Amino acid sequence: VVGAVIGLIGLLVSSILLAAGLTFLNSDEAESYSECVEHAGGKSDRE
């Protein structure tokens, strides 16, 4: 029972982090940053 409860807690926290990460990566800000870096000419543009 203790193993199942600890595993469930790890599963829930990991699922929440995964959902938050996917939400963030699919945001307009992340997409805009990705496009900006892709078209950057040098280090100062990436900064």
ModelCIF file with pLDDT and N, C-alpha, C, O atoms, coordinates in Angstrom:
data_MODEL
#
_entry.id   MODEL 
#
_entity.id                         1 
_entity.type                       polymer 
_entity.pdbx_number_of_molecules   1 
#
_entity_poly.entity_id                      1 
_entity_poly.type                           'polypeptide(L)' 
_entity_poly.nstd_linkage                   no 
_entity_poly.nstd_monomer                   no 
_entity_poly.pdbx_seq_one_letter_code       VVGAVIGLIGLLVSSILLAAGLTFLNSDEAESYSECVEHAGGKSDRE 
_entity_poly.pdbx_seq_one_letter_code_can   VVGAVIGLIGLLVSSILLAAGLTFLNSDEAESYSECVEHAGGKSDRE 
_entity_poly.pdbx_strand_id                 A 
#
loop_
_entity_poly_seq.entity_id 
_entity_poly_seq.num 
_entity_poly_seq.mon_id 
_entity_poly_seq.hetero 
1 1  VAL n 
1 2  VAL n 
1 3  GLY n 
1 4  ALA n 
1 5  VAL n 
1 6  ILE n 
1 7  GLY n 
1 8  LEU n 
1 9  ILE n 
1 10 GLY n 
1 11 LEU n 
1 12 LEU n 
1 13 VAL n 
1 14 SER n 
1 15 SER n 
1 16 ILE n 
1 17 LEU n 
1 18 LEU n 
1 19 ALA n 
1 20 ALA n 
1 21 GLY n 
1 22 LEU n 
1 23 THR n 
1 24 PHE n 
1 25 LEU n 
1 26 ASN n 
1 27 SER n 
1 28 ASP n 
1 29 GLU n 
1 30 ALA n 
1 31 GLU n 
1 32 SER n 
1 33 TYR n 
1 34 SER n 
1 35 GLU n 
1 36 CYS n 
1 37 VAL n 
1 38 GLU n 
1 39 HIS n 
1 40 ALA n 
1 41 GLY n 
1 42 GLY n 
1 43 LYS n 
1 44 SER n 
1 45 ASP n 
1 46 ARG n 
1 47 GLU n 
#
_struct_asym.id          A 
_struct_asym.entity_id   1 
#
loop_
_ma_qa_metric.id 
_ma_qa_metric.mode 
_ma_qa_metric.name 
_ma_qa_metric.software_group_id 
_ma_qa_metric.type 
1 global pLDDT . pLDDT 
2 local  pLDDT . pLDDT 
#
_ma_qa_metric_global.metric_id      1 
_ma_qa_metric_global.metric_value   87.94 
_ma_qa_metric_global.model_id       1 
_ma_qa_metric_global.ordinal_id     1 
#
loop_
_ma_qa_metric_local.label_asym_id 
_ma_qa_metric_local.label_comp_id 
_ma_qa_metric_local.label_seq_id 
_ma_qa_metric_local.metric_id 
_ma_qa_metric_local.metric_value 
_ma_qa_metric_local.model_id 
_ma_qa_metric_local.ordinal_id 
A VAL 1  2 96.00 1 1  
A VAL 2  2 97.00 1 2  
A GLY 3  2 97.00 1 3  
A ALA 4  2 97.00 1 4  
A VAL 5  2 97.00 1 5  
A ILE 6  2 97.00 1 6  
A GLY 7  2 96.00 1 7  
A LEU 8  2 96.00 1 8  
A ILE 9  2 95.00 1 9  
A GLY 10 2 95.00 1 10 
A LEU 11 2 95.00 1 11 
A LEU 12 2 95.00 1 12 
A VAL 13 2 94.00 1 13 
A SER 14 2 94.00 1 14 
A SER 15 2 93.00 1 15 
A ILE 16 2 94.00 1 16 
A LEU 17 2 92.00 1 17 
A LEU 18 2 91.00 1 18 
A ALA 19 2 91.00 1 19 
A ALA 20 2 90.00 1 20 
A GLY 21 2 87.00 1 21 
A LEU 22 2 88.00 1 22 
A THR 23 2 89.00 1 23 
A PHE 24 2 83.00 1 24 
A LEU 25 2 81.00 1 25 
A ASN 26 2 84.00 1 26 
A SER 27 2 82.00 1 27 
A ASP 28 2 82.00 1 28 
A GLU 29 2 82.00 1 29 
A ALA 30 2 82.00 1 30 
A GLU 31 2 83.00 1 31 
A SER 32 2 84.00 1 32 
A TYR 33 2 83.00 1 33 
A SER 34 2 83.00 1 34 
A GLU 35 2 85.00 1 35 
A CYS 36 2 84.00 1 36 
A VAL 37 2 82.00 1 37 
A GLU 38 2 83.00 1 38 
A HIS 39 2 82.00 1 39 
A ALA 40 2 81.00 1 40 
A GLY 41 2 82.00 1 41 
A GLY 42 2 83.00 1 42 
A LYS 43 2 82.00 1 43 
A SER 44 2 82.00 1 44 
A ASP 45 2 79.00 1 45 
A ARG 46 2 81.00 1 46 
A GLU 47 2 82.00 1 47 
#
loop_
_atom_site.group_PDB 
_atom_site.id 
_atom_site.type_symbol 
_atom_site.label_atom_id 
_atom_site.label_alt_id 
_atom_site.label_comp_id 
_atom_site.label_asym_id 
_atom_site.label_entity_id 
_atom_site.label_seq_id 
_atom_site.pdbx_PDB_ins_code 
_atom_site.Cartn_x 
_atom_site.Cartn_y 
_atom_site.Cartn_z 
_atom_site.occupancy 
_atom_site.B_iso_or_equiv 
_atom_site.pdbx_formal_charge 
_atom_site.auth_seq_id 
_atom_site.auth_comp_id 
_atom_site.auth_asym_id 
_atom_site.auth_atom_id 
_atom_site.pdbx_PDB_model_num 
ATOM 1   N N  . VAL A 1 1  ? 0.831  -1.208 0.000   1.00 96.00 ? 1  VAL A N  1 
ATOM 2   C CA . VAL A 1 1  ? 0.000  0.000  0.000   1.00 96.00 ? 1  VAL A CA 1 
ATOM 3   C C  . VAL A 1 1  ? 0.865  1.258  0.000   1.00 96.00 ? 1  VAL A C  1 
ATOM 4   O O  . VAL A 1 1  ? 0.584  2.202  -0.737  1.00 96.00 ? 1  VAL A O  1 
ATOM 5   N N  . VAL A 1 2  ? 1.901  1.275  0.812   1.00 97.00 ? 2  VAL A N  1 
ATOM 6   C CA . VAL A 1 2  ? 2.806  2.435  0.863   1.00 97.00 ? 2  VAL A CA 1 
ATOM 7   C C  . VAL A 1 2  ? 3.464  2.644  -0.499  1.00 97.00 ? 2  VAL A C  1 
ATOM 8   O O  . VAL A 1 2  ? 3.554  3.776  -0.974  1.00 97.00 ? 2  VAL A O  1 
ATOM 9   N N  . GLY A 1 3  ? 3.919  1.574  -1.125  1.00 97.00 ? 3  GLY A N  1 
ATOM 10  C CA . GLY A 1 3  ? 4.517  1.681  -2.450  1.00 97.00 ? 3  GLY A CA 1 
ATOM 11  C C  . GLY A 1 3  ? 3.542  2.220  -3.477  1.00 97.00 ? 3  GLY A C  1 
ATOM 12  O O  . GLY A 1 3  ? 3.909  3.047  -4.312  1.00 97.00 ? 3  GLY A O  1 
ATOM 13  N N  . ALA A 1 4  ? 2.296  1.755  -3.423  1.00 97.00 ? 4  ALA A N  1 
ATOM 14  C CA . ALA A 1 4  ? 1.276  2.231  -4.360  1.00 97.00 ? 4  ALA A CA 1 
ATOM 15  C C  . ALA A 1 4  ? 0.975  3.713  -4.138  1.00 97.00 ? 4  ALA A C  1 
ATOM 16  O O  . ALA A 1 4  ? 0.820  4.463  -5.102  1.00 97.00 ? 4  ALA A O  1 
ATOM 17  N N  . VAL A 1 5  ? 0.892  4.137  -2.891  1.00 97.00 ? 5  VAL A N  1 
ATOM 18  C CA . VAL A 1 5  ? 0.596  5.545  -2.592  1.00 97.00 ? 5  VAL A CA 1 
ATOM 19  C C  . VAL A 1 5  ? 1.748  6.443  -3.036  1.00 97.00 ? 5  VAL A C  1 
ATOM 20  O O  . VAL A 1 5  ? 1.519  7.480  -3.658  1.00 97.00 ? 5  VAL A O  1 
ATOM 21  N N  . ILE A 1 6  ? 2.977  6.057  -2.725  1.00 97.00 ? 6  ILE A N  1 
ATOM 22  C CA . ILE A 1 6  ? 4.134  6.857  -3.148  1.00 97.00 ? 6  ILE A CA 1 
ATOM 23  C C  . ILE A 1 6  ? 4.200  6.904  -4.678  1.00 97.00 ? 6  ILE A C  1 
ATOM 24  O O  . ILE A 1 6  ? 4.472  7.957  -5.255  1.00 97.00 ? 6  ILE A O  1 
ATOM 25  N N  . GLY A 1 7  ? 3.953  5.778  -5.326  1.00 96.00 ? 7  GLY A N  1 
ATOM 26  C CA . GLY A 1 7  ? 3.940  5.744  -6.791  1.00 96.00 ? 7  GLY A CA 1 
ATOM 27  C C  . GLY A 1 7  ? 2.850  6.615  -7.377  1.00 96.00 ? 7  GLY A C  1 
ATOM 28  O O  . GLY A 1 7  ? 3.057  7.270  -8.398  1.00 96.00 ? 7  GLY A O  1 
ATOM 29  N N  . LEU A 1 8  ? 1.687  6.629  -6.739  1.00 96.00 ? 8  LEU A N  1 
ATOM 30  C CA . LEU A 1 8  ? 0.576  7.464  -7.195  1.00 96.00 ? 8  LEU A CA 1 
ATOM 31  C C  . LEU A 1 8  ? 0.921  8.944  -7.072  1.00 96.00 ? 8  LEU A C  1 
ATOM 32  O O  . LEU A 1 8  ? 0.597  9.735  -7.957  1.00 96.00 ? 8  LEU A O  1 
ATOM 33  N N  . ILE A 1 9  ? 1.571  9.312  -5.989  1.00 95.00 ? 9  ILE A N  1 
ATOM 34  C CA . ILE A 1 9  ? 1.987  10.708 -5.811  1.00 95.00 ? 9  ILE A CA 1 
ATOM 35  C C  . ILE A 1 9  ? 2.993  11.095 -6.902  1.00 95.00 ? 9  ILE A C  1 
ATOM 36  O O  . ILE A 1 9  ? 2.856  12.152 -7.518  1.00 95.00 ? 9  ILE A O  1 
ATOM 37  N N  . GLY A 1 10 ? 3.991  10.256 -7.142  1.00 95.00 ? 10 GLY A N  1 
ATOM 38  C CA . GLY A 1 10 ? 4.954  10.523 -8.209  1.00 95.00 ? 10 GLY A CA 1 
ATOM 39  C C  . GLY A 1 10 ? 4.283  10.610 -9.567  1.00 95.00 ? 10 GLY A C  1 
ATOM 40  O O  . GLY A 1 10 ? 4.631  11.464 -10.382 1.00 95.00 ? 10 GLY A O  1 
ATOM 41  N N  . LEU A 1 11 ? 3.320  9.727  -9.814  1.00 95.00 ? 11 LEU A N  1 
ATOM 42  C CA . LEU A 1 11 ? 2.577  9.726  -11.074 1.00 95.00 ? 11 LEU A CA 1 
ATOM 43  C C  . LEU A 1 11 ? 1.790  11.021 -11.248 1.00 95.00 ? 11 LEU A C  1 
ATOM 44  O O  . LEU A 1 11 ? 1.810  11.617 -12.325 1.00 95.00 ? 11 LEU A O  1 
ATOM 45  N N  . LEU A 1 12 ? 1.101  11.456 -10.203 1.00 95.00 ? 12 LEU A N  1 
ATOM 46  C CA . LEU A 1 12 ? 0.302  12.678 -10.295 1.00 95.00 ? 12 LEU A CA 1 
ATOM 47  C C  . LEU A 1 12 ? 1.170  13.912 -10.512 1.00 95.00 ? 12 LEU A C  1 
ATOM 48  O O  . LEU A 1 12 ? 0.861  14.744 -11.365 1.00 95.00 ? 12 LEU A O  1 
ATOM 49  N N  . VAL A 1 13 ? 2.254  14.037 -9.748  1.00 94.00 ? 13 VAL A N  1 
ATOM 50  C CA . VAL A 1 13 ? 3.135  15.201 -9.891  1.00 94.00 ? 13 VAL A CA 1 
ATOM 51  C C  . VAL A 1 13 ? 3.771  15.207 -11.279 1.00 94.00 ? 13 VAL A C  1 
ATOM 52  O O  . VAL A 1 13 ? 3.851  16.256 -11.918 1.00 94.00 ? 13 VAL A O  1 
ATOM 53  N N  . SER A 1 14 ? 4.219  14.053 -11.744 1.00 94.00 ? 14 SER A N  1 
ATOM 54  C CA . SER A 1 14 ? 4.821  13.959 -13.063 1.00 94.00 ? 14 SER A CA 1 
ATOM 55  C C  . SER A 1 14 ? 3.809  14.305 -14.154 1.00 94.00 ? 14 SER A C  1 
ATOM 56  O O  . SER A 1 14 ? 4.153  14.985 -15.121 1.00 94.00 ? 14 SER A O  1 
ATOM 57  N N  . SER A 1 15 ? 2.590  13.853 -14.012 1.00 93.00 ? 15 SER A N  1 
ATOM 58  C CA . SER A 1 15 ? 1.540  14.157 -14.995 1.00 93.00 ? 15 SER A CA 1 
ATOM 59  C C  . SER A 1 15 ? 1.235  15.649 -15.030 1.00 93.00 ? 15 SER A C  1 
ATOM 60  O O  . SER A 1 15 ? 1.041  16.220 -16.103 1.00 93.00 ? 15 SER A O  1 
ATOM 61  N N  . ILE A 1 16 ? 1.191  16.278 -13.865 1.00 94.00 ? 16 ILE A N  1 
ATOM 62  C CA . ILE A 1 16 ? 0.947  17.722 -13.802 1.00 94.00 ? 16 ILE A CA 1 
ATOM 63  C C  . ILE A 1 16 ? 2.086  18.486 -14.476 1.00 94.00 ? 16 ILE A C  1 
ATOM 64  O O  . ILE A 1 16 ? 1.846  19.418 -15.244 1.00 94.00 ? 16 ILE A O  1 
ATOM 65  N N  . LEU A 1 17 ? 3.325  18.087 -14.185 1.00 92.00 ? 17 LEU A N  1 
ATOM 66  C CA . LEU A 1 17 ? 4.471  18.747 -14.820 1.00 92.00 ? 17 LEU A CA 1 
ATOM 67  C C  . LEU A 1 17 ? 4.472  18.538 -16.335 1.00 92.00 ? 17 LEU A C  1 
ATOM 68  O O  . LEU A 1 17 ? 4.781  19.462 -17.086 1.00 92.00 ? 17 LEU A O  1 
ATOM 69  N N  . LEU A 1 18 ? 4.133  17.350 -16.779 1.00 91.00 ? 18 LEU A N  1 
ATOM 70  C CA . LEU A 1 18 ? 4.074  17.072 -18.204 1.00 91.00 ? 18 LEU A CA 1 
ATOM 71  C C  . LEU A 1 18 ? 2.997  17.923 -18.878 1.00 91.00 ? 18 LEU A C  1 
ATOM 72  O O  . LEU A 1 18 ? 3.231  18.494 -19.944 1.00 91.00 ? 18 LEU A O  1 
ATOM 73  N N  . ALA A 1 19 ? 1.832  18.007 -18.265 1.00 91.00 ? 19 ALA A N  1 
ATOM 74  C CA . ALA A 1 19 ? 0.751  18.826 -18.831 1.00 91.00 ? 19 ALA A CA 1 
ATOM 75  C C  . ALA A 1 19 ? 1.139  20.302 -18.874 1.00 91.00 ? 19 ALA A C  1 
ATOM 76  O O  . ALA A 1 19 ? 0.870  20.990 -19.859 1.00 91.00 ? 19 ALA A O  1 
ATOM 77  N N  . ALA A 1 20 ? 1.773  20.787 -17.800 1.00 90.00 ? 20 ALA A N  1 
ATOM 78  C CA . ALA A 1 20 ? 2.201  22.191 -17.775 1.00 90.00 ? 20 ALA A CA 1 
ATOM 79  C C  . ALA A 1 20 ? 3.270  22.445 -18.831 1.00 90.00 ? 20 ALA A C  1 
ATOM 80  O O  . ALA A 1 20 ? 3.234  23.472 -19.509 1.00 90.00 ? 20 ALA A O  1 
ATOM 81  N N  . GLY A 1 21 ? 4.206  21.538 -18.976 1.00 87.00 ? 21 GLY A N  1 
ATOM 82  C CA . GLY A 1 21 ? 5.260  21.692 -19.979 1.00 87.00 ? 21 GLY A CA 1 
ATOM 83  C C  . GLY A 1 21 ? 4.710  21.693 -21.393 1.00 87.00 ? 21 GLY A C  1 
ATOM 84  O O  . GLY A 1 21 ? 5.114  22.511 -22.220 1.00 87.00 ? 21 GLY A O  1 
ATOM 85  N N  . LEU A 1 22 ? 3.787  20.777 -21.675 1.00 88.00 ? 22 LEU A N  1 
ATOM 86  C CA . LEU A 1 22 ? 3.194  20.732 -23.009 1.00 88.00 ? 22 LEU A CA 1 
ATOM 87  C C  . LEU A 1 22 ? 2.365  21.982 -23.287 1.00 88.00 ? 22 LEU A C  1 
ATOM 88  O O  . LEU A 1 22 ? 2.372  22.505 -24.401 1.00 88.00 ? 22 LEU A O  1 
ATOM 89  N N  . THR A 1 23 ? 1.658  22.451 -22.276 1.00 89.00 ? 23 THR A N  1 
ATOM 90  C CA . THR A 1 23 ? 0.883  23.686 -22.436 1.00 89.00 ? 23 THR A CA 1 
ATOM 91  C C  . THR A 1 23 ? 1.808  24.857 -22.739 1.00 89.00 ? 23 THR A C  1 
ATOM 92  O O  . THR A 1 23 ? 1.523  25.679 -23.610 1.00 89.00 ? 23 THR A O  1 
ATOM 93  N N  . PHE A 1 24 ? 2.914  24.924 -22.011 1.00 83.00 ? 24 PHE A N  1 
ATOM 94  C CA . PHE A 1 24 ? 3.868  26.010 -22.230 1.00 83.00 ? 24 PHE A CA 1 
ATOM 95  C C  . PHE A 1 24 ? 4.499  25.922 -23.618 1.00 83.00 ? 24 PHE A C  1 
ATOM 96  O O  . PHE A 1 24 ? 4.620  26.930 -24.314 1.00 83.00 ? 24 PHE A O  1 
ATOM 97  N N  . LEU A 1 25 ? 4.901  24.711 -24.017 1.00 81.00 ? 25 LEU A N  1 
ATOM 98  C CA . LEU A 1 25 ? 5.550  24.554 -25.319 1.00 81.00 ? 25 LEU A CA 1 
ATOM 99  C C  . LEU A 1 25 ? 4.611  24.852 -26.479 1.00 81.00 ? 25 LEU A C  1 
ATOM 100 O O  . LEU A 1 25 ? 5.059  25.225 -27.563 1.00 81.00 ? 25 LEU A O  1 
ATOM 101 N N  . ASN A 1 26 ? 3.326  24.692 -26.258 1.00 84.00 ? 26 ASN A N  1 
ATOM 102 C CA . ASN A 1 26 ? 2.345  24.991 -27.298 1.00 84.00 ? 26 ASN A CA 1 
ATOM 103 C C  . ASN A 1 26 ? 1.836  26.424 -27.228 1.00 84.00 ? 26 ASN A C  1 
ATOM 104 O O  . ASN A 1 26 ? 0.924  26.788 -27.970 1.00 84.00 ? 26 ASN A O  1 
ATOM 105 N N  . SER A 1 27 ? 2.405  27.241 -26.351 1.00 82.00 ? 27 SER A N  1 
ATOM 106 C CA . SER A 1 27 ? 1.952  28.624 -26.203 1.00 82.00 ? 27 SER A CA 1 
ATOM 107 C C  . SER A 1 27 ? 2.468  29.490 -27.342 1.00 82.00 ? 27 SER A C  1 
ATOM 108 O O  . SER A 1 27 ? 3.419  29.128 -28.034 1.00 82.00 ? 27 SER A O  1 
ATOM 109 N N  . ASP A 1 28 ? 1.831  30.633 -27.525 1.00 82.00 ? 28 ASP A N  1 
ATOM 110 C CA . ASP A 1 28 ? 2.250  31.585 -28.556 1.00 82.00 ? 28 ASP A CA 1 
ATOM 111 C C  . ASP A 1 28 ? 3.639  32.135 -28.263 1.00 82.00 ? 28 ASP A C  1 
ATOM 112 O O  . ASP A 1 28 ? 4.423  32.379 -29.181 1.00 82.00 ? 28 ASP A O  1 
ATOM 113 N N  . GLU A 1 29 ? 3.945  32.332 -26.971 1.00 82.00 ? 29 GLU A N  1 
ATOM 114 C CA . GLU A 1 29 ? 5.252  32.872 -26.603 1.00 82.00 ? 29 GLU A CA 1 
ATOM 115 C C  . GLU A 1 29 ? 6.375  31.921 -26.991 1.00 82.00 ? 29 GLU A C  1 
ATOM 116 O O  . GLU A 1 29 ? 7.396  32.347 -27.531 1.00 82.00 ? 29 GLU A O  1 
ATOM 117 N N  . ALA A 1 30 ? 6.188  30.640 -26.719 1.00 82.00 ? 30 ALA A N  1 
ATOM 118 C CA . ALA A 1 30 ? 7.213  29.649 -27.056 1.00 82.00 ? 30 ALA A CA 1 
ATOM 119 C C  . ALA A 1 30 ? 7.374  29.529 -28.563 1.00 82.00 ? 30 ALA A C  1 
ATOM 120 O O  . ALA A 1 30 ? 8.493  29.398 -29.060 1.00 82.00 ? 30 ALA A O  1 
ATOM 121 N N  . GLU A 1 31 ? 6.275  29.571 -29.286 1.00 83.00 ? 31 GLU A N  1 
ATOM 122 C CA . GLU A 1 31 ? 6.339  29.501 -30.745 1.00 83.00 ? 31 GLU A CA 1 
ATOM 123 C C  . GLU A 1 31 ? 7.052  30.732 -31.320 1.00 83.00 ? 31 GLU A C  1 
ATOM 124 O O  . GLU A 1 31 ? 7.856  30.618 -32.245 1.00 83.00 ? 31 GLU A O  1 
ATOM 125 N N  . SER A 1 32 ? 6.750  31.897 -30.765 1.00 84.00 ? 32 SER A N  1 
ATOM 126 C CA . SER A 1 32 ? 7.392  33.134 -31.209 1.00 84.00 ? 32 SER A CA 1 
ATOM 127 C C  . SER A 1 32 ? 8.898  33.090 -30.939 1.00 84.00 ? 32 SER A C  1 
ATOM 128 O O  . SER A 1 32 ? 9.696  33.491 -31.787 1.00 84.00 ? 32 SER A O  1 
ATOM 129 N N  . TYR A 1 33 ? 9.284  32.603 -29.758 1.00 83.00 ? 33 TYR A N  1 
ATOM 130 C CA . TYR A 1 33 ? 10.704 32.487 -29.405 1.00 83.00 ? 33 TYR A CA 1 
ATOM 131 C C  . TYR A 1 33 ? 11.418 31.531 -30.349 1.00 83.00 ? 33 TYR A C  1 
ATOM 132 O O  . TYR A 1 33 ? 12.528 31.809 -30.804 1.00 83.00 ? 33 TYR A O  1 
ATOM 133 N N  . SER A 1 34 ? 10.788 30.420 -30.636 1.00 83.00 ? 34 SER A N  1 
ATOM 134 C CA . SER A 1 34 ? 11.385 29.423 -31.522 1.00 83.00 ? 34 SER A CA 1 
ATOM 135 C C  . SER A 1 34 ? 11.620 30.001 -32.916 1.00 83.00 ? 34 SER A C  1 
ATOM 136 O O  . SER A 1 34 ? 12.680 29.796 -33.508 1.00 83.00 ? 34 SER A O  1 
ATOM 137 N N  . GLU A 1 35 ? 10.640 30.715 -33.433 1.00 85.00 ? 35 GLU A N  1 
ATOM 138 C CA . GLU A 1 35 ? 10.792 31.342 -34.746 1.00 85.00 ? 35 GLU A CA 1 
ATOM 139 C C  . GLU A 1 35 ? 11.884 32.408 -34.729 1.00 85.00 ? 35 GLU A C  1 
ATOM 140 O O  . GLU A 1 35 ? 12.657 32.525 -35.679 1.00 85.00 ? 35 GLU A O  1 
ATOM 141 N N  . CYS A 1 36 ? 11.944 33.178 -33.657 1.00 84.00 ? 36 CYS A N  1 
ATOM 142 C CA . CYS A 1 36 ? 12.954 34.220 -33.534 1.00 84.00 ? 36 CYS A CA 1 
ATOM 143 C C  . CYS A 1 36 ? 14.361 33.626 -33.552 1.00 84.00 ? 36 CYS A C  1 
ATOM 144 O O  . CYS A 1 36 ? 15.240 34.120 -34.257 1.00 84.00 ? 36 CYS A O  1 
ATOM 145 N N  . VAL A 1 37 ? 14.569 32.563 -32.775 1.00 82.00 ? 37 VAL A N  1 
ATOM 146 C CA . VAL A 1 37 ? 15.886 31.934 -32.708 1.00 82.00 ? 37 VAL A CA 1 
ATOM 147 C C  . VAL A 1 37 ? 16.239 31.305 -34.047 1.00 82.00 ? 37 VAL A C  1 
ATOM 148 O O  . VAL A 1 37 ? 17.397 31.330 -34.466 1.00 82.00 ? 37 VAL A O  1 
ATOM 149 N N  . GLU A 1 38 ? 15.247 30.744 -34.712 1.00 83.00 ? 38 GLU A N  1 
ATOM 150 C CA . GLU A 1 38 ? 15.477 30.103 -36.008 1.00 83.00 ? 38 GLU A CA 1 
ATOM 151 C C  . GLU A 1 38 ? 15.969 31.106 -37.051 1.00 83.00 ? 38 GLU A C  1 
ATOM 152 O O  . GLU A 1 38 ? 16.786 30.770 -37.908 1.00 83.00 ? 38 GLU A O  1 
ATOM 153 N N  . HIS A 1 39 ? 15.470 32.329 -36.974 1.00 82.00 ? 39 HIS A N  1 
ATOM 154 C CA . HIS A 1 39 ? 15.837 33.349 -37.963 1.00 82.00 ? 39 HIS A CA 1 
ATOM 155 C C  . HIS A 1 39 ? 16.938 34.286 -37.461 1.00 82.00 ? 39 HIS A C  1 
ATOM 156 O O  . HIS A 1 39 ? 17.302 35.233 -38.158 1.00 82.00 ? 39 HIS A O  1 
ATOM 157 N N  . ALA A 1 40 ? 17.460 34.042 -36.289 1.00 81.00 ? 40 ALA A N  1 
ATOM 158 C CA . ALA A 1 40 ? 18.505 34.911 -35.730 1.00 81.00 ? 40 ALA A CA 1 
ATOM 159 C C  . ALA A 1 40 ? 19.792 34.745 -36.523 1.00 81.00 ? 40 ALA A C  1 
ATOM 160 O O  . ALA A 1 40 ? 20.159 33.647 -36.941 1.00 81.00 ? 40 ALA A O  1 
ATOM 161 N N  . GLY A 1 41 ? 20.467 35.878 -36.714 1.00 82.00 ? 41 GLY A N  1 
ATOM 162 C CA . GLY A 1 41 ? 21.690 35.851 -37.499 1.00 82.00 ? 41 GLY A CA 1 
ATOM 163 C C  . GLY A 1 41 ? 22.930 35.576 -36.675 1.00 82.00 ? 41 GLY A C  1 
ATOM 164 O O  . GLY A 1 41 ? 23.916 35.064 -37.204 1.00 82.00 ? 41 GLY A O  1 
ATOM 165 N N  . GLY A 1 42 ? 22.907 35.899 -35.407 1.00 83.00 ? 42 GLY A N  1 
ATOM 166 C CA . GLY A 1 42 ? 24.095 35.721 -34.585 1.00 83.00 ? 42 GLY A CA 1 
ATOM 167 C C  . GLY A 1 42 ? 23.743 35.666 -33.117 1.00 83.00 ? 42 GLY A C  1 
ATOM 168 O O  . GLY A 1 42 ? 22.577 35.569 -32.735 1.00 83.00 ? 42 GLY A O  1 
ATOM 169 N N  . LYS A 1 43 ? 24.787 35.731 -32.301 1.00 82.00 ? 43 LYS A N  1 
ATOM 170 C CA . LYS A 1 43 ? 24.606 35.613 -30.855 1.00 82.00 ? 43 LYS A CA 1 
ATOM 171 C C  . LYS A 1 43 ? 23.784 36.777 -30.300 1.00 82.00 ? 43 LYS A C  1 
ATOM 172 O O  . LYS A 1 43 ? 22.923 36.568 -29.445 1.00 82.00 ? 43 LYS A O  1 
ATOM 173 N N  . SER A 1 44 ? 24.034 37.979 -30.765 1.00 82.00 ? 44 SER A N  1 
ATOM 174 C CA . SER A 1 44 ? 23.301 39.137 -30.247 1.00 82.00 ? 44 SER A CA 1 
ATOM 175 C C  . SER A 1 44 ? 21.824 39.050 -30.613 1.00 82.00 ? 44 SER A C  1 
ATOM 176 O O  . SER A 1 44 ? 20.973 39.462 -29.825 1.00 82.00 ? 44 SER A O  1 
ATOM 177 N N  . ASP A 1 45 ? 21.502 38.519 -31.799 1.00 79.00 ? 45 ASP A N  1 
ATOM 178 C CA . ASP A 1 45 ? 20.094 38.342 -32.181 1.00 79.00 ? 45 ASP A CA 1 
ATOM 179 C C  . ASP A 1 45 ? 19.416 37.299 -31.297 1.00 79.00 ? 45 ASP A C  1 
ATOM 180 O O  . ASP A 1 45 ? 18.262 37.478 -30.907 1.00 79.00 ? 45 ASP A O  1 
ATOM 181 N N  . ARG A 1 46 ? 20.122 36.205 -30.975 1.00 81.00 ? 46 ARG A N  1 
ATOM 182 C CA . ARG A 1 46 ? 19.552 35.177 -30.094 1.00 81.00 ? 46 ARG A CA 1 
ATOM 183 C C  . ARG A 1 46 ? 19.344 35.721 -28.684 1.00 81.00 ? 46 ARG A C  1 
ATOM 184 O O  . ARG A 1 46 ? 18.358 35.386 -28.027 1.00 81.00 ? 46 ARG A O  1 
ATOM 185 N N  . GLU A 1 47 ? 20.272 36.560 -28.216 1.00 82.00 ? 47 GLU A N  1 
ATOM 186 C CA . GLU A 1 47 ? 20.105 37.185 -26.902 1.00 82.00 ? 47 GLU A CA 1 
ATOM 187 C C  . GLU A 1 47 ? 18.898 38.099 -26.892 1.00 82.00 ? 47 GLU A C  1 
ATOM 188 O O  . GLU A 1 47 ? 18.598 38.714 -25.868 1.00 82.00 ? 47 GLU A O  1 
#
